[in-house]
Amino acid sequence: MARSKDVRVTIALECTSCTWKETGGKSTGISRYTTRKNRRNTPNRLELEKYCFYCHKHTLHKESKK
């Protein structure tokens, strides 16, 4: 069984430059990635440069709140 205070946790990374825009009745959305991090080695929020499919460029992705 997994403990509630597991060392490795699954987190979601969200694009910081994406915003919800209405274009012709369709929303463009927000780029999200999922990854795992070690809670002991990186206690702060994770920030990585990832490719955003909506912005069509590499942008800063930050760990989202749960």
PDB file of N, CA and C in Angstrom:
ATOM      1  N   MET A   1       0.821  -1.177   0.000  1.00  0.00           N
ATOM      2  CA  MET A   1       0.000   0.000   0.000  1.00  0.00           C
ATOM      3  C   MET A   1       0.872   1.251   0.000  1.00  0.00           C
ATOM      4  N   ALA A   2       0.395   2.284  -0.675  1.00  0.00           N
ATOM      5  CA  ALA A   2       1.116   3.555  -0.731  1.00  0.00           C
ATOM      6  C   ALA A   2       0.750   4.406   0.472  1.00  0.00           C
ATOM      7  N   ARG A   3       1.760   5.049   1.000  1.00  0.00           N
ATOM      8  CA  ARG A   3       1.523   5.952   2.121  1.00  0.00           C
ATOM      9  C   ARG A   3       1.101   7.312   1.596  1.00  0.00           C
ATOM     10  N   SER A   4       0.442   8.079   2.430  1.00  0.00           N
ATOM     11  CA  SER A   4      -0.009   9.401   2.007  1.00  0.00           C
ATOM     12  C   SER A   4       1.158  10.373   1.857  1.00  0.00           C
ATOM     13  N   LYS A   5       2.253  10.167   2.574  1.00  0.00           N
ATOM     14  CA  LYS A   5       3.434  11.026   2.494  1.00  0.00           C
ATOM     15  C   LYS A   5       4.513  10.338   1.656  1.00  0.00           C
ATOM     16  N   ASP A   6       4.154   9.906   0.444  1.00  0.00           N
ATOM     17  CA  ASP A   6       5.099   9.269  -0.447  1.00  0.00           C
ATOM     18  C   ASP A   6       6.169  10.260  -0.872  1.00  0.00           C
ATOM     19  N   VAL A   7       7.398   9.771  -1.108  1.00  0.00           N
ATOM     20  CA  VAL A   7       8.497  10.662  -1.478  1.00  0.00           C
ATOM     21  C   VAL A   7       8.305  11.168  -2.901  1.00  0.00           C
ATOM     22  N   ARG A   8       7.953  10.310  -3.847  1.00  0.00           N
ATOM     23  CA  ARG A   8       7.743  10.723  -5.233  1.00  0.00           C
ATOM     24  C   ARG A   8       6.259  10.976  -5.462  1.00  0.00           C
ATOM     25  N   VAL A   9       5.947  12.164  -5.979  1.00  0.00           N
ATOM     26  CA  VAL A   9       4.562  12.544  -6.209  1.00  0.00           C
ATOM     27  C   VAL A   9       4.370  12.911  -7.681  1.00  0.00           C
ATOM     28  N   THR A  10       3.155  12.727  -8.182  1.00  0.00           N
ATOM     29  CA  THR A  10       2.814  13.118  -9.540  1.00  0.00           C
ATOM     30  C   THR A  10       2.284  14.546  -9.520  1.00  0.00           C
ATOM     31  N   ILE A  11       2.836  15.378 -10.413  1.00  0.00           N
ATOM     32  CA  ILE A  11       2.436  16.777 -10.462  1.00  0.00           C
ATOM     33  C   ILE A  11       2.018  17.143 -11.879  1.00  0.00           C
ATOM     34  N   ALA A  12       1.317  18.264 -12.019  1.00  0.00           N
ATOM     35  CA  ALA A  12       0.914  18.776 -13.327  1.00  0.00           C
ATOM     36  C   ALA A  12       1.627  20.098 -13.567  1.00  0.00           C
ATOM     37  N   LEU A  13       2.153  20.270 -14.784  1.00  0.00           N
ATOM     38  CA  LEU A  13       2.810  21.515 -15.184  1.00  0.00           C
ATOM     39  C   LEU A  13       1.909  22.242 -16.157  1.00  0.00           C
ATOM     40  N   GLU A  14       1.640  23.531 -15.907  1.00  0.00           N
ATOM     41  CA  GLU A  14       0.768  24.343 -16.764  1.00  0.00           C
ATOM     42  C   GLU A  14       1.559  25.461 -17.410  1.00  0.00           C
ATOM     43  N   CYS A  15       1.215  25.780 -18.658  1.00  0.00           N
ATOM     44  CA  CYS A  15       1.854  26.874 -19.385  1.00  0.00           C
ATOM     45  C   CYS A  15       1.468  28.198 -18.732  1.00  0.00           C
ATOM     46  N   THR A  16       2.448  29.083 -18.571  1.00  0.00           N
ATOM     47  CA  THR A  16       2.186  30.362 -17.913  1.00  0.00           C
ATOM     48  C   THR A  16       1.715  31.435 -18.891  1.00  0.00           C
ATOM     49  N   SER A  17       1.968  31.250 -20.185  1.00  0.00           N
ATOM     50  CA  SER A  17       1.583  32.295 -21.139  1.00  0.00           C
ATOM     51  C   SER A  17       0.241  32.017 -21.819  1.00  0.00           C
ATOM     52  N   CYS A  18      -0.310  30.836 -21.686  1.00  0.00           N
ATOM     53  CA  CYS A  18      -1.606  30.518 -22.296  1.00  0.00           C
ATOM     54  C   CYS A  18      -2.750  31.159 -21.508  1.00  0.00           C
ATOM     55  N   THR A  19      -3.725  31.644 -22.223  1.00  0.00           N
ATOM     56  CA  THR A  19      -4.934  32.157 -21.589  1.00  0.00           C
ATOM     57  C   THR A  19      -6.126  31.600 -22.346  1.00  0.00           C
ATOM     58  N   TRP A  20      -7.265  31.566 -21.697  1.00  0.00           N
ATOM     59  CA  TRP A  20      -8.478  31.090 -22.362  1.00  0.00           C
ATOM     60  C   TRP A  20      -8.985  32.185 -23.288  1.00  0.00           C
ATOM     61  N   LYS A  21      -8.958  31.896 -24.580  1.00  0.00           N
ATOM     62  CA  LYS A  21      -9.427  32.858 -25.574  1.00  0.00           C
ATOM     63  C   LYS A  21     -10.563  32.231 -26.365  1.00  0.00           C
ATOM     64  N   GLU A  22     -11.553  32.990 -26.596  1.00  0.00           N
ATOM     65  CA  GLU A  22     -12.665  32.538 -27.426  1.00  0.00           C
ATOM     66  C   GLU A  22     -12.403  32.965 -28.867  1.00  0.00           C
ATOM     67  N   THR A  23     -12.194  32.004 -29.754  1.00  0.00           N
ATOM     68  CA  THR A  23     -11.959  32.305 -31.165  1.00  0.00           C
ATOM     69  C   THR A  23     -12.974  31.531 -31.986  1.00  0.00           C
ATOM     70  N   GLY A  24     -13.992  32.197 -32.424  1.00  0.00           N
ATOM     71  CA  GLY A  24     -15.010  31.536 -33.225  1.00  0.00           C
ATOM     72  C   GLY A  24     -15.803  30.502 -32.462  1.00  0.00           C
ATOM     73  N   GLY A  25     -15.979  30.686 -31.164  1.00  0.00           N
ATOM     74  CA  GLY A  25     -16.753  29.744 -30.360  1.00  0.00           C
ATOM     75  C   GLY A  25     -15.943  28.584 -29.817  1.00  0.00           C
ATOM     76  N   LYS A  26     -14.628  28.532 -30.121  1.00  0.00           N
ATOM     77  CA  LYS A  26     -13.775  27.455 -29.623  1.00  0.00           C
ATOM     78  C   LYS A  26     -12.710  28.040 -28.707  1.00  0.00           C
ATOM     79  N   SER A  27     -12.467  27.376 -27.606  1.00  0.00           N
ATOM     80  CA  SER A  27     -11.410  27.831 -26.709  1.00  0.00           C
ATOM     81  C   SER A  27     -10.102  27.156 -27.099  1.00  0.00           C
ATOM     82  N   THR A  28      -8.987  27.898 -27.017  1.00  0.00           N
ATOM     83  CA  THR A  28      -7.700  27.343 -27.402  1.00  0.00           C
ATOM     84  C   THR A  28      -7.151  26.399 -26.344  1.00  0.00           C
ATOM     85  N   GLY A  29      -7.388  26.675 -25.081  1.00  0.00           N
ATOM     86  CA  GLY A  29      -6.978  25.780 -24.017  1.00  0.00           C
ATOM     87  C   GLY A  29      -5.660  26.155 -23.372  1.00  0.00           C
ATOM     88  N   ILE A  30      -5.216  25.325 -22.432  1.00  0.00           N
ATOM     89  CA  ILE A  30      -3.971  25.525 -21.702  1.00  0.00           C
ATOM     90  C   ILE A  30      -3.157  24.247 -21.813  1.00  0.00           C
ATOM     91  N   SER A  31      -1.882  24.397 -22.139  1.00  0.00           N
ATOM     92  CA  SER A  31      -0.985  23.253 -22.261  1.00  0.00           C
ATOM     93  C   SER A  31      -0.665  22.702 -20.875  1.00  0.00           C
ATOM     94  N   ARG A  32      -0.811  21.393 -20.696  1.00  0.00           N
ATOM     95  CA  ARG A  32      -0.501  20.741 -19.420  1.00  0.00           C
ATOM     96  C   ARG A  32       0.347  19.499 -19.652  1.00  0.00           C
ATOM     97  N   TYR A  33       1.339  19.302 -18.805  1.00  0.00           N
ATOM     98  CA  TYR A  33       2.166  18.103 -18.792  1.00  0.00           C
ATOM     99  C   TYR A  33       2.072  17.491 -17.406  1.00  0.00           C
ATOM    100  N   THR A  34       2.210  16.180 -17.314  1.00  0.00           N
ATOM    101  CA  THR A  34       2.292  15.518 -16.019  1.00  0.00           C
ATOM    102  C   THR A  34       3.669  14.902 -15.884  1.00  0.00           C
ATOM    103  N   THR A  35       4.216  14.960 -14.695  1.00  0.00           N
ATOM    104  CA  THR A  35       5.523  14.398 -14.411  1.00  0.00           C
ATOM    105  C   THR A  35       5.578  14.013 -12.938  1.00  0.00           C
ATOM    106  N   ARG A  36       6.672  13.396 -12.541  1.00  0.00           N
ATOM    107  CA  ARG A  36       6.864  13.019 -11.148  1.00  0.00           C
ATOM    108  C   ARG A  36       8.086  13.745 -10.610  1.00  0.00           C
ATOM    109  N   LYS A  37       8.023  14.115  -9.338  1.00  0.00           N
ATOM    110  CA  LYS A  37       9.168  14.765  -8.703  1.00  0.00           C
ATOM    111  C   LYS A  37       9.387  14.170  -7.327  1.00  0.00           C
ATOM    112  N   ASN A  38      10.623  14.286  -6.874  1.00  0.00           N
ATOM    113  CA  ASN A  38      10.979  13.836  -5.539  1.00  0.00           C
ATOM    114  C   ASN A  38      10.742  14.981  -4.574  1.00  0.00           C
ATOM    115  N   ARG A  39       9.878  14.771  -3.620  1.00  0.00           N
ATOM    116  CA  ARG A  39       9.481  15.823  -2.684  1.00  0.00           C
ATOM    117  C   ARG A  39      10.641  16.257  -1.793  1.00  0.00           C
ATOM    118  N   ARG A  40      11.557  15.345  -1.469  1.00  0.00           N
ATOM    119  CA  ARG A  40      12.683  15.689  -0.591  1.00  0.00           C
ATOM    120  C   ARG A  40      13.728  16.538  -1.321  1.00  0.00           C
ATOM    121  N   ASN A  41      14.016  16.217  -2.594  1.00  0.00           N
ATOM    122  CA  ASN A  41      15.041  16.949  -3.339  1.00  0.00           C
ATOM    123  C   ASN A  41      14.542  18.289  -3.857  1.00  0.00           C
ATOM    124  N   THR A  42      13.278  18.389  -4.236  1.00  0.00           N
ATOM    125  CA  THR A  42      12.715  19.631  -4.781  1.00  0.00           C
ATOM    126  C   THR A  42      11.449  19.997  -4.017  1.00  0.00           C
ATOM    127  N   PRO A  43      11.595  20.601  -2.841  1.00  0.00           N
ATOM    128  CA  PRO A  43      10.409  20.967  -2.057  1.00  0.00           C
ATOM    129  C   PRO A  43       9.652  22.151  -2.647  1.00  0.00           C
ATOM    130  N   ASN A  44      10.329  22.993  -3.451  1.00  0.00           N
ATOM    131  CA  ASN A  44       9.681  24.161  -4.049  1.00  0.00           C
ATOM    132  C   ASN A  44       8.912  23.736  -5.296  1.00  0.00           C
ATOM    133  N   ARG A  45       8.111  24.661  -5.823  1.00  0.00           N
ATOM    134  CA  ARG A  45       7.357  24.381  -7.043  1.00  0.00           C
ATOM    135  C   ARG A  45       8.309  24.269  -8.226  1.00  0.00           C
ATOM    136  N   LEU A  46       8.057  23.299  -9.083  1.00  0.00           N
ATOM    137  CA  LEU A  46       8.907  23.017 -10.222  1.00  0.00           C
ATOM    138  C   LEU A  46       8.562  23.941 -11.385  1.00  0.00           C
ATOM    139  N   GLU A  47       9.598  24.449 -12.088  1.00  0.00           N
ATOM    140  CA  GLU A  47       9.414  25.291 -13.266  1.00  0.00           C
ATOM    141  C   GLU A  47      10.314  24.759 -14.377  1.00  0.00           C
ATOM    142  N   LEU A  48       9.743  24.415 -15.530  1.00  0.00           N
ATOM    143  CA  LEU A  48      10.499  23.876 -16.656  1.00  0.00           C
ATOM    144  C   LEU A  48      10.104  24.550 -17.955  1.00  0.00           C
ATOM    145  N   GLU A  49      11.043  24.626 -18.894  1.00  0.00           N
ATOM    146  CA  GLU A  49      10.750  25.099 -20.247  1.00  0.00           C
ATOM    147  C   GLU A  49      10.249  23.900 -21.051  1.00  0.00           C
ATOM    148  N   LYS A  50       8.992  23.936 -21.468  1.00  0.00           N
ATOM    149  CA  LYS A  50       8.385  22.862 -22.249  1.00  0.00           C
ATOM    150  C   LYS A  50       7.726  23.459 -23.482  1.00  0.00           C
ATOM    151  N   TYR A  51       7.432  22.596 -24.462  1.00  0.00           N
ATOM    152  CA  TYR A  51       6.776  23.053 -25.684  1.00  0.00           C
ATOM    153  C   TYR A  51       5.278  23.167 -25.447  1.00  0.00           C
ATOM    154  N   CYS A  52       4.712  24.307 -25.812  1.00  0.00           N
ATOM    155  CA  CYS A  52       3.275  24.542 -25.690  1.00  0.00           C
ATOM    156  C   CYS A  52       2.635  24.340 -27.059  1.00  0.00           C
ATOM    157  N   PHE A  53       1.673  23.450 -27.152  1.00  0.00           N
ATOM    158  CA  PHE A  53       1.012  23.148 -28.415  1.00  0.00           C
ATOM    159  C   PHE A  53       0.055  24.255 -28.851  1.00  0.00           C
ATOM    160  N   TYR A  54      -0.353  25.098 -27.923  1.00  0.00           N
ATOM    161  CA  TYR A  54      -1.274  26.184 -28.247  1.00  0.00           C
ATOM    162  C   TYR A  54      -0.523  27.456 -28.635  1.00  0.00           C
ATOM    163  N   CYS A  55       0.630  27.710 -28.006  1.00  0.00           N
ATOM    164  CA  CYS A  55       1.446  28.886 -28.342  1.00  0.00           C
ATOM    165  C   CYS A  55       2.393  28.592 -29.501  1.00  0.00           C
ATOM    166  N   HIS A  56       2.648  27.320 -29.771  1.00  0.00           N
ATOM    167  CA  HIS A  56       3.567  26.859 -30.815  1.00  0.00           C
ATOM    168  C   HIS A  56       4.993  27.333 -30.571  1.00  0.00           C
ATOM    169  N   LYS A  57       5.430  27.311 -29.298  1.00  0.00           N
ATOM    170  CA  LYS A  57       6.805  27.658 -28.953  1.00  0.00           C
ATOM    171  C   LYS A  57       7.109  27.116 -27.555  1.00  0.00           C
ATOM    172  N   HIS A  58       8.374  27.151 -27.184  1.00  0.00           N
ATOM    173  CA  HIS A  58       8.779  26.733 -25.850  1.00  0.00           C
ATOM    174  C   HIS A  58       8.490  27.862 -24.868  1.00  0.00           C
ATOM    175  N   THR A  59       7.772  27.532 -23.804  1.00  0.00           N
ATOM    176  CA  THR A  59       7.408  28.524 -22.791  1.00  0.00           C
ATOM    177  C   THR A  59       7.655  27.940 -21.409  1.00  0.00           C
ATOM    178  N   LEU A  60       7.592  28.791 -20.408  1.00  0.00           N
ATOM    179  CA  LEU A  60       7.773  28.371 -19.029  1.00  0.00           C
ATOM    180  C   LEU A  60       6.513  27.669 -18.537  1.00  0.00           C
ATOM    181  N   HIS A  61       6.669  26.475 -17.992  1.00  0.00           N
ATOM    182  CA  HIS A  61       5.563  25.715 -17.406  1.00  0.00           C
ATOM    183  C   HIS A  61       5.832  25.588 -15.903  1.00  0.00           C
ATOM    184  N   LYS A  62       4.846  25.974 -15.092  1.00  0.00           N
ATOM    185  CA  LYS A  62       4.981  25.917 -13.644  1.00  0.00           C
ATOM    186  C   LYS A  62       4.071  24.840 -13.076  1.00  0.00           C
ATOM    187  N   GLU A  63       4.465  24.355 -11.914  1.00  0.00           N
ATOM    188  CA  GLU A  63       3.657  23.358 -11.208  1.00  0.00           C
ATOM    189  C   GLU A  63       2.342  23.993 -10.784  1.00  0.00           C
ATOM    190  N   SER A  64       1.233  23.348 -11.133  1.00  0.00           N
ATOM    191  CA  SER A  64      -0.074  23.912 -10.819  1.00  0.00           C
ATOM    192  C   SER A  64      -0.515  23.510  -9.412  1.00  0.00           C
ATOM    193  N   LYS A  65      -1.435  24.278  -8.860  1.00  0.00           N
ATOM    194  CA  LYS A  65      -1.979  23.975  -7.556  1.00  0.00           C
ATOM    195  C   LYS A  65      -2.950  22.826  -7.657  1.00  0.00           C
ATOM    196  N   LYS A  66      -3.062  22.059  -6.578  1.00  0.00           N
ATOM    197  CA  LYS A  66      -3.999  20.936  -6.592  1.00  0.00           C
ATOM    198  C   LYS A  66      -5.238  21.286  -5.819  1.00  0.00           C
TER     199      LYS A  66
END
